[in-house]
Protein backbone atom coordinates (compact mmCIF):
# COMPACT_ATOMS: atom_id res chain seq x y z
CA SER A 1 -51.42 11.34 -5.32
CA ASP A 2 -51.90 7.58 -5.09
CA GLU A 3 -49.10 7.12 -7.61
CA GLU A 4 -46.70 9.23 -5.54
CA LEU A 5 -47.56 7.30 -2.37
CA THR A 6 -46.85 3.92 -4.00
CA THR A 7 -43.76 5.09 -5.93
CA GLY A 8 -42.33 6.55 -2.73
CA PHE A 9 -42.92 3.23 -0.91
CA LEU A 10 -45.22 4.86 1.61
CA ALA A 11 -48.26 2.82 0.65
CA GLY A 12 -49.19 -0.42 -1.06
CA ARG A 13 -52.33 -1.39 -2.92
CA SER A 14 -54.49 -4.26 -1.66
CA GLU A 15 -54.96 -7.06 -4.18
CA LYS A 16 -58.40 -7.80 -2.74
CA THR A 17 -59.94 -4.33 -2.50
CA GLY A 18 -57.66 -2.23 -4.69
CA ARG A 19 -57.36 0.31 -1.90
CA LEU A 20 -54.14 1.79 -0.58
CA TYR A 21 -52.79 0.78 2.81
CA ASP A 22 -49.97 2.19 4.96
CA TYR A 23 -46.78 0.14 4.59
CA TYR A 24 -45.59 1.22 8.02
CA ARG A 25 -48.77 0.63 10.02
CA GLY A 26 -48.06 -0.70 13.51
CA ARG A 27 -44.37 0.19 13.34
CA VAL A 28 -41.97 2.58 15.04
CA ILE A 29 -40.63 4.83 12.30
CA TYR A 30 -36.97 5.79 11.77
CA PRO A 31 -36.41 8.53 9.18
CA ILE A 32 -33.47 7.98 6.84
CA VAL A 33 -31.70 11.24 6.06
CA ASP A 34 -29.12 11.89 3.36
CA THR A 35 -25.97 13.98 3.82
CA THR A 36 -27.78 17.13 2.67
CA ARG A 37 -30.32 16.70 5.51
CA ASN A 38 -33.19 15.56 3.27
CA ILE A 39 -35.45 12.75 4.48
CA VAL A 40 -35.30 10.25 1.61
CA ALA A 41 -36.71 7.03 3.12
CA PHE A 42 -37.97 5.32 6.26
CA GLY A 43 -37.29 2.27 8.36
CA GLY A 44 -39.98 0.69 10.51
CA ARG A 45 -39.69 -1.79 13.40
CA ILE A 46 -42.83 -3.74 14.13
CA ILE A 47 -44.52 -3.20 17.50
CA GLY A 48 -45.04 -6.60 19.11
CA ASP A 49 -44.81 -9.82 17.10
CA GLY A 50 -45.00 -10.14 13.35
CA LYS A 51 -42.86 -10.29 10.25
CA PRO A 52 -40.85 -8.75 8.82
CA LYS A 53 -39.40 -7.40 12.06
CA TYR A 54 -37.82 -4.49 10.18
CA LEU A 55 -39.16 -2.90 7.00
CA ASN A 56 -37.10 -0.45 4.96
CA THR A 57 -38.13 1.68 2.00
CA SER A 58 -37.34 -0.05 -1.27
CA ASP A 59 -35.40 1.80 -3.94
CA THR A 60 -37.30 4.85 -5.20
CA PRO A 61 -36.43 7.79 -7.49
CA ALA A 62 -35.15 9.60 -4.36
CA PHE A 63 -33.46 6.71 -2.55
CA LYS A 64 -31.00 3.94 -3.39
CA LYS A 65 -30.14 1.47 -0.62
CA SER A 66 -26.81 0.67 -2.23
CA LYS A 67 -25.75 4.32 -1.99
CA THR A 68 -27.13 5.34 1.41
CA LEU A 69 -25.65 4.92 4.89
CA PHE A 70 -27.90 5.50 7.90
CA ALA A 71 -26.72 8.40 10.12
CA LEU A 72 -23.88 9.47 7.82
CA ASN A 73 -25.47 12.92 7.93
CA PHE A 74 -24.40 13.04 11.62
CA ALA A 75 -21.31 10.82 11.59
CA LYS A 76 -19.50 12.74 8.82
CA ASP A 77 -18.70 15.46 11.35
CA TYR A 78 -17.11 13.01 13.85
CA LEU A 79 -14.64 10.98 11.81
CA ASP A 80 -11.33 11.99 13.39
CA ASP A 81 -10.78 8.39 14.56
CA GLY A 82 -12.49 6.71 11.63
CA LEU A 83 -15.99 5.36 11.12
CA ILE A 84 -17.84 2.53 12.89
CA LEU A 85 -19.87 0.44 10.44
CA CYS A 86 -22.80 -1.59 11.82
CA GLU A 87 -25.55 -3.75 10.37
CA GLY A 88 -28.69 -2.07 11.70
CA TYR A 89 -30.00 1.31 12.76
CA MET A 90 -30.70 0.19 16.34
CA ASP A 91 -26.97 -0.51 16.68
CA VAL A 92 -26.22 2.98 15.39
CA ILE A 93 -28.74 4.67 17.66
CA SER A 94 -27.35 2.89 20.75
CA LEU A 95 -23.78 3.81 19.80
CA HIS A 96 -24.66 7.48 19.21
CA GLN A 97 -26.45 7.62 22.56
CA ALA A 98 -23.35 6.15 24.19
CA GLY A 99 -21.15 8.85 22.66
CA PHE A 100 -19.90 7.08 19.54
CA GLN A 101 -21.20 9.57 17.00
CA ASN A 102 -19.07 8.17 14.19
CA ALA A 103 -21.33 5.11 13.74
CA VAL A 104 -23.33 4.36 10.56
CA ALA A 105 -25.17 1.36 9.11
CA THR A 106 -26.20 -0.08 5.78
CA LEU A 107 -29.95 -0.34 5.28
CA GLY A 108 -31.42 -3.81 4.83
CA THR A 109 -28.62 -4.84 2.52
CA ALA A 110 -25.00 -5.97 2.71
CA ILE A 111 -22.28 -3.42 2.04
CA THR A 112 -21.89 -2.64 -1.66
CA GLU A 113 -19.09 -1.23 -3.78
CA GLU A 114 -21.00 2.04 -3.86
CA HIS A 115 -21.07 2.11 -0.05
CA ALA A 116 -17.32 1.47 0.05
CA ARG A 117 -16.58 4.30 -2.36
CA ILE A 118 -18.79 6.69 -0.39
CA ILE A 119 -17.02 5.74 2.85
CA ALA A 120 -13.61 6.30 1.22
CA LYS A 121 -14.60 9.90 0.46
CA TYR A 122 -14.99 10.62 4.18
CA THR A 123 -12.40 8.50 5.99
CA ASN A 124 -9.47 6.10 5.50
CA LYS A 125 -10.28 3.94 8.52
CA VAL A 126 -13.32 1.80 9.36
CA TYR A 127 -14.15 -0.27 12.44
CA LEU A 128 -16.43 -3.14 11.48
CA SER A 129 -18.96 -3.93 14.19
CA TYR A 130 -21.17 -6.59 12.61
CA ASP A 131 -23.18 -9.24 14.42
CA SER A 132 -21.16 -12.10 15.90
CA ASP A 133 -23.24 -14.86 14.25
CA GLY A 134 -22.28 -16.73 11.06
CA ALA A 135 -24.05 -14.29 8.76
CA GLY A 136 -22.31 -11.38 10.48
CA GLN A 137 -18.90 -13.00 10.05
CA ASN A 138 -19.54 -13.59 6.35
CA ALA A 139 -20.66 -9.98 5.99
CA THR A 140 -17.45 -8.90 7.72
CA SER A 141 -15.33 -10.82 5.19
CA LYS A 142 -17.14 -9.14 2.29
CA ALA A 143 -16.83 -5.69 3.87
CA ILE A 144 -13.09 -6.15 4.40
CA ARG A 145 -12.58 -6.98 0.72
CA LEU A 146 -14.65 -4.07 -0.60
CA LEU A 147 -13.20 -1.49 1.78
CA GLU A 148 -9.58 -2.52 1.24
CA ASN A 149 -10.17 -2.36 -2.52
CA VAL A 150 -10.83 1.38 -2.18
CA GLY A 151 -7.84 1.98 0.10
CA VAL A 152 -9.59 2.03 3.47
CA GLU A 153 -7.85 0.53 6.52
CA VAL A 154 -10.15 -1.97 8.22
CA LYS A 155 -10.27 -2.91 11.89
CA ILE A 156 -12.58 -5.64 13.15
CA ILE A 157 -14.31 -5.32 16.52
CA ARG A 158 -14.61 -8.68 18.31
CA MET A 159 -17.57 -8.87 20.67
CA THR A 160 -18.21 -11.57 23.25
CA GLY A 161 -21.27 -11.92 25.42
CA ALA A 162 -23.50 -10.04 22.97
CA LYS A 163 -24.66 -10.60 19.41
CA ASP A 164 -24.54 -6.96 18.27
CA PRO A 165 -23.45 -3.45 19.42
CA ASP A 166 -26.95 -2.55 20.65
CA GLU A 167 -27.03 -5.55 22.99
CA PHE A 168 -23.39 -5.03 24.04
CA ILE A 169 -23.87 -1.35 24.94
CA LYS A 170 -26.99 -2.10 26.98
CA ALA A 171 -25.28 -4.94 28.86
CA LYS A 172 -21.75 -3.57 29.39
CA GLY A 173 -21.78 0.16 28.69
CA ALA A 174 -19.75 2.68 26.71
CA ALA A 175 -16.41 2.10 28.46
CA ALA A 176 -16.44 -1.59 27.57
CA PHE A 177 -17.20 -0.79 23.92
CA ARG A 178 -14.39 1.77 23.85
CA ALA A 179 -12.07 -0.99 25.03
CA LEU A 180 -13.27 -3.13 22.10
CA LEU A 181 -12.28 -0.36 19.70
CA LYS A 182 -8.77 -0.26 21.14
CA SER A 183 -8.40 -4.05 20.91
CA SER A 184 -9.81 -4.31 17.37
CA VAL A 185 -7.75 -6.35 14.91
CA GLY A 186 -6.75 -6.03 11.26
CA ASN A 187 -7.67 -8.17 8.28
CA PHE A 188 -4.95 -10.80 8.73
CA ASP A 189 -5.65 -11.36 12.42
CA PHE A 190 -9.37 -11.66 11.72
CA ARG A 191 -8.84 -14.23 8.97
CA PHE A 192 -6.23 -16.13 10.97
CA GLU A 193 -8.41 -16.38 14.07
CA LYS A 194 -11.34 -17.47 11.91
CA LEU A 195 -9.10 -20.13 10.37
CA LEU A 196 -7.99 -21.40 13.76
CA GLY A 197 -11.62 -21.82 14.79
CA ASN A 198 -11.90 -24.66 12.26
CA TYR A 199 -9.21 -26.82 13.88
CA ASP A 200 -8.20 -28.27 17.22
CA ILE A 201 -4.64 -26.97 17.36
CA ASP A 202 -3.95 -28.94 20.53
CA THR A 203 -3.70 -32.04 18.35
CA PRO A 204 -0.87 -32.68 15.85
CA GLU A 205 -3.34 -33.19 13.02
CA GLY A 206 -5.26 -29.99 13.75
CA LYS A 207 -2.06 -27.98 14.10
CA LEU A 208 -0.74 -29.36 10.78
CA ARG A 209 -3.92 -28.45 8.90
CA ALA A 210 -4.06 -25.00 10.48
CA ALA A 211 -0.40 -24.36 9.57
CA SER A 212 -0.99 -25.49 5.99
CA GLU A 213 -3.98 -23.16 5.55
CA ALA A 214 -2.14 -20.31 7.30
CA ALA A 215 0.78 -20.67 4.87
CA ALA A 216 -1.62 -20.24 1.96
CA LEU A 217 -3.11 -17.20 3.70
CA VAL A 218 0.27 -15.53 4.30
CA ALA A 219 1.28 -16.20 0.67
CA GLN A 220 -1.59 -14.00 -0.54
CA TYR A 221 0.18 -10.85 0.70
CA SER A 222 2.45 -9.25 -1.90
CA SER A 223 4.68 -7.39 0.58
CA SER A 224 7.60 -9.48 1.85
CA VAL A 225 7.61 -7.40 5.05
CA GLU A 226 3.96 -8.25 5.67
CA ARG A 227 4.64 -11.93 5.02
CA ASP A 228 7.54 -11.87 7.46
CA ILE A 229 5.46 -10.22 10.21
CA TYR A 230 2.47 -12.52 9.72
CA SER A 231 4.64 -15.62 9.49
CA THR A 232 6.19 -14.80 12.87
CA ARG A 233 2.72 -14.34 14.34
CA VAL A 234 1.52 -17.70 12.99
CA CYS A 235 4.57 -19.55 14.23
CA GLU A 236 4.25 -18.06 17.71
CA ARG A 237 0.56 -18.89 17.88
CA LEU A 238 1.01 -22.47 16.68
CA SER A 239 4.39 -23.02 18.41
CA ILE A 240 6.10 -24.13 15.20
CA ARG A 241 9.50 -23.28 13.71
CA GLU A 242 9.73 -20.35 11.28
CA GLN A 243 12.02 -21.92 8.64
CA PRO A 244 9.74 -24.83 7.61
CA PHE A 245 6.72 -22.53 7.67
CA ALA A 246 8.54 -20.00 5.45
CA GLU A 247 9.27 -22.81 2.98
CA ASP A 248 5.56 -23.68 2.85
CA VAL A 249 4.71 -20.02 2.22
CA LYS A 250 7.24 -19.93 -0.62
CA LYS A 251 5.70 -23.06 -2.18
CA ASN A 252 2.26 -21.44 -2.10
CA ILE A 253 3.63 -18.33 -3.81
CA GLY A 254 5.11 -20.52 -6.54
CA LYS A 255 1.80 -22.31 -7.06
CA ALA A 256 -0.02 -18.99 -7.39
CA GLU A 257 2.49 -17.73 -9.97
CA TYR A 258 2.10 -20.93 -11.98
CA ARG A 259 -1.70 -20.63 -11.93
CA ASN A 260 -1.40 -17.04 -13.14
CA LYS A 261 0.65 -18.19 -16.13
CA LEU A 262 -2.10 -20.63 -17.03
CA ASP A 263 -4.76 -17.96 -16.63
CA ILE A 264 -6.73 -16.26 -19.37
CA ASN A 265 -3.64 -14.78 -21.04
CA SER A 266 -3.74 -17.44 -23.75
CA ASP A 267 -4.63 -15.90 -27.14
CA ALA A 268 -6.14 -19.18 -28.26
CA PHE A 269 -8.70 -19.19 -25.46
CA ALA A 270 -9.37 -15.47 -25.89
CA LYS A 271 -9.96 -15.77 -29.64
CA ALA A 272 -12.27 -18.74 -29.13
CA ARG A 273 -14.33 -16.55 -26.84
CA TYR A 274 -15.06 -14.08 -29.66
CA LEU A 275 -15.28 -16.45 -32.65
CA GLY A 276 -18.73 -16.45 -34.22
CA ASP A 277 -19.73 -13.39 -32.20
CA ARG A 278 -22.76 -12.00 -34.04
CA VAL A 279 -23.13 -8.99 -31.75
CA ASN A 280 -19.52 -7.80 -31.96
CA PRO A 281 -17.74 -9.64 -34.79
CA GLU A 282 -14.84 -7.14 -34.80
CA ALA A 283 -13.77 -8.26 -31.31
CA ALA A 284 -11.85 -11.32 -32.58
CA GLY A 285 -9.54 -8.99 -34.52
CA ASN A 286 -8.19 -7.29 -31.39
CA ILE A 287 -8.54 -9.39 -28.24
CA ARG A 288 -6.81 -6.94 -25.89
CA ALA A 289 -8.91 -3.98 -27.00
CA ALA A 290 -12.14 -6.01 -26.88
CA ALA A 291 -11.45 -7.09 -23.29
CA ALA A 292 -10.76 -3.47 -22.30
CA GLU A 293 -13.94 -2.34 -24.08
CA ASP A 294 -15.96 -4.92 -22.15
CA ALA A 295 -14.49 -3.69 -18.85
CA VAL A 296 -15.08 0.01 -19.61
CA LEU A 297 -18.63 -0.48 -20.86
CA GLY A 298 -19.53 -2.70 -17.90
CA MET A 299 -18.40 -0.04 -15.44
CA LEU A 300 -20.13 2.78 -17.31
CA LEU A 301 -23.39 0.83 -17.55
CA LEU A 302 -23.33 0.10 -13.81
CA PHE A 303 -21.95 3.16 -12.05
CA GLU A 304 -23.10 6.75 -12.27
CA GLU A 305 -19.88 8.13 -10.76
CA PHE A 306 -17.86 6.66 -13.63
CA ARG A 307 -20.21 8.19 -16.21
CA ASP A 308 -19.81 11.50 -14.36
CA ALA A 309 -16.03 11.22 -14.50
CA VAL A 310 -16.12 10.70 -18.27
CA ALA A 311 -18.67 13.49 -18.79
CA LYS A 312 -16.55 15.93 -16.76
CA LYS A 313 -13.37 14.86 -18.60
CA ASP A 314 -11.80 13.59 -15.38
CA VAL A 315 -11.30 10.39 -17.36
CA ALA A 316 -10.09 11.16 -20.90
CA LEU A 317 -12.34 8.83 -22.91
CA GLU A 318 -14.11 9.48 -26.21
CA ALA A 319 -15.96 7.42 -28.80
CA ASP A 320 -12.95 7.24 -31.14
CA ASP A 321 -10.97 5.37 -28.46
CA PHE A 322 -13.16 2.28 -29.00
CA ILE A 323 -11.93 -0.20 -31.61
CA THR A 324 -15.22 -2.00 -32.37
CA SER A 325 -18.31 -0.28 -33.72
CA PHE A 326 -20.61 -2.04 -31.22
CA ALA A 327 -18.62 -0.68 -28.26
CA ARG A 328 -18.46 2.77 -29.85
CA ARG A 329 -22.22 2.87 -30.42
CA THR A 330 -22.88 1.64 -26.87
CA PHE A 331 -20.58 4.27 -25.36
CA GLU A 332 -22.22 7.08 -27.35
CA ALA A 333 -25.73 5.97 -26.37
CA VAL A 334 -24.84 5.60 -22.66
CA MET A 335 -23.21 9.01 -22.43
CA LYS A 336 -25.99 10.72 -24.40
CA LEU A 337 -28.58 9.35 -21.96
CA HIS A 338 -26.39 10.28 -18.98
CA LYS A 339 -26.20 13.91 -20.14
CA SER A 340 -29.92 14.12 -20.95
CA ASP A 341 -32.46 15.77 -18.64
CA GLY A 342 -33.94 12.38 -17.67
CA GLY A 343 -30.55 10.83 -16.93
CA PHE A 344 -29.34 7.33 -17.71
CA GLU A 345 -31.77 4.41 -17.48
CA PHE A 346 -30.66 1.02 -18.79
CA SER A 347 -34.15 0.23 -20.10
CA LEU A 348 -34.00 3.20 -22.50
CA LEU A 349 -31.19 1.53 -24.44
CA SER A 350 -33.72 -0.91 -25.89
CA GLU A 351 -34.99 1.92 -28.10
CA GLN A 352 -31.64 1.97 -29.94
CA PHE A 353 -30.37 -1.61 -29.74
CA GLY A 354 -31.66 -5.06 -30.62
CA THR A 355 -32.45 -7.91 -28.23
CA GLU A 356 -29.08 -9.65 -28.66
CA GLU A 357 -27.20 -6.40 -28.15
CA ILE A 358 -29.12 -5.61 -24.97
CA GLY A 359 -28.40 -9.16 -23.80
CA ARG A 360 -24.68 -8.55 -24.36
CA MET A 361 -24.83 -5.35 -22.28
CA GLU A 362 -26.64 -7.17 -19.47
CA GLY A 363 -23.90 -9.81 -19.56
CA LEU A 364 -21.22 -7.13 -19.21
CA CYS A 365 -23.03 -5.76 -16.15
CA ILE A 366 -23.34 -9.19 -14.53
CA LYS A 367 -19.63 -9.85 -15.05
CA ARG A 368 -18.56 -6.51 -13.56
CA LYS A 369 -20.75 -6.93 -10.47
CA ASP A 370 -18.53 -9.81 -9.33
CA ILE A 371 -15.28 -7.91 -9.95
CA THR A 372 -13.62 -5.02 -8.15
CA ASN A 373 -14.52 -1.68 -9.77
CA THR A 374 -12.56 1.44 -8.86
CA MET A 375 -11.62 4.63 -10.71
CA ALA A 376 -8.12 3.22 -11.11
CA HIS A 377 -9.55 0.12 -12.82
CA LEU A 378 -11.56 2.30 -15.20
CA THR A 379 -8.58 4.53 -16.00
CA SER A 380 -6.23 1.61 -16.63
CA SER A 381 -8.74 0.00 -19.03
CA VAL A 382 -9.11 3.32 -20.85
CA LEU A 383 -5.33 3.44 -21.15
CA VAL A 384 -5.35 0.02 -22.85
CA LEU A 385 -7.91 1.32 -25.36
CA LYS A 386 -5.76 4.34 -26.15
CA GLU A 387 -2.66 2.17 -26.60
CA GLU A 388 -4.52 -0.17 -28.97
CA ARG A 389 -5.94 2.78 -30.88
CA LEU A 390 -2.43 4.20 -31.34
CA LYS A 391 -1.16 0.83 -32.63
CA LYS A 392 -4.07 0.57 -35.04
CA GLU A 393 -3.54 4.07 -36.43
CA ARG A 394 0.19 3.48 -36.90
CA THR A 395 -0.49 0.23 -38.71
CA GLU A 396 -3.15 1.67 -41.01
CA HIS A 397 -1.37 5.01 -41.64
CA PRO A 398 2.37 4.47 -41.11
CA ASP A 399 3.36 7.64 -43.01
CA SER A 400 1.00 10.04 -41.31
CA ALA A 401 1.09 11.47 -37.82
CA PRO A 402 -1.27 9.57 -35.53
CA GLN A 403 -4.26 11.41 -34.13
CA LEU A 404 -3.34 10.02 -30.72
CA SER A 405 0.17 11.07 -29.67
CA LEU A 406 2.59 9.60 -27.17
CA THR A 407 1.90 12.70 -25.08
CA ASP A 408 -1.72 11.61 -24.84
CA LEU A 409 -0.60 8.21 -23.59
CA ILE A 410 1.79 9.73 -21.06
CA ASN A 411 -1.00 11.96 -19.76
CA SER A 412 -3.32 8.95 -19.58
CA LYS A 413 -0.74 7.00 -17.60
CA LYS A 414 -0.31 9.94 -15.25
CA LYS A 415 -4.08 10.03 -14.72
CA ALA A 416 -4.06 6.30 -14.00
CA ILE A 417 -1.34 6.79 -11.38
CA ASP A 418 -3.15 9.77 -9.86
CA ALA A 419 -6.40 7.78 -9.74
CA THR A 420 -4.63 4.92 -8.00
CA LYS A 421 -3.08 7.27 -5.42
CA GLN A 422 -6.43 8.96 -4.81
CA ASN A 423 -8.05 5.56 -4.47
CA GLN A 424 -5.47 4.55 -1.85
CA LYS A 425 -6.08 7.78 0.07
């Protein structure tokens, strides 16, 4: 039907005539296949001149860009040495033709947290092969952060003489690209080399500024062994002595610790945040629980895999764990929709909640989108809720046995540890 054609992003409707037209007219078509071998979308490259050069299917009921990787249906069987992540499907096609069948690409969008979690299910190592221009370098930085957050080791491929893998393969061949894989670098080396590109280290001033920024970079690593290794590398590269550089690193660590003490741990600031809250007035009475509720609800509203984990009891969370009635009602509504035949749709919440309440939920989603979200983060926030619930029950009913036992908390902590280990794997 016409409705199916437009919903599936196969056709558009002309504003002038009202007639349907083929979205992919005049384009070479690339089918996008999911891991169960179903064609779920299409990509189209224009023949000749015109814009946009590439056109991908928008999100449809059968396809979500943020959860789909081009050619993963092939690559998942060739991941013994990790996965090669590219920007476009032409890069992937060229790499597969050259024998690198472990290559995939995101589709018309930057890598997302969903992409990272999907990748982590298949491999613990990724080679990033993004374009060498400014946009590609920025995309590389984002990909490193998201992939390392889910426990994936990241190696960065550094290309010269070509802007992308497709161009490199055509110009220099498979053997040259294989050499790039072997010479790929880790996160620190990538960031350090990028840092050095901003300064002329042949001058005293440039070397001083580079050393100062490198000390701040090294200080970000929590492992003292890592700091020692990277410090040696910096000193050798800049031809500076290790002792003064180590002192600068130590100063940066001290500054970071001081900033953390001044962070949002202040009860005064936290209480001010919830004072006069018409949507959730109970929040001011338990700041720690309210913050955990916000985190849990934000993740459940955004991510289907977290709702699945709660529904399947992989994460031990129930309505009674929530301290405030607003959070409890929201949790019950979200999970009821998730378990329904139609599945969860954010818009359906408006049938049960007022405008201000929906606005609060949207705010929780916006906040979580800019923060790392893993199963370990969800589990640890749930643990906070259970701890606060136990405190509340003991305060209100000191002479009766609490409904939530210490055994429950121990089991919750064990689940948090297991989730963290699984996340690292």
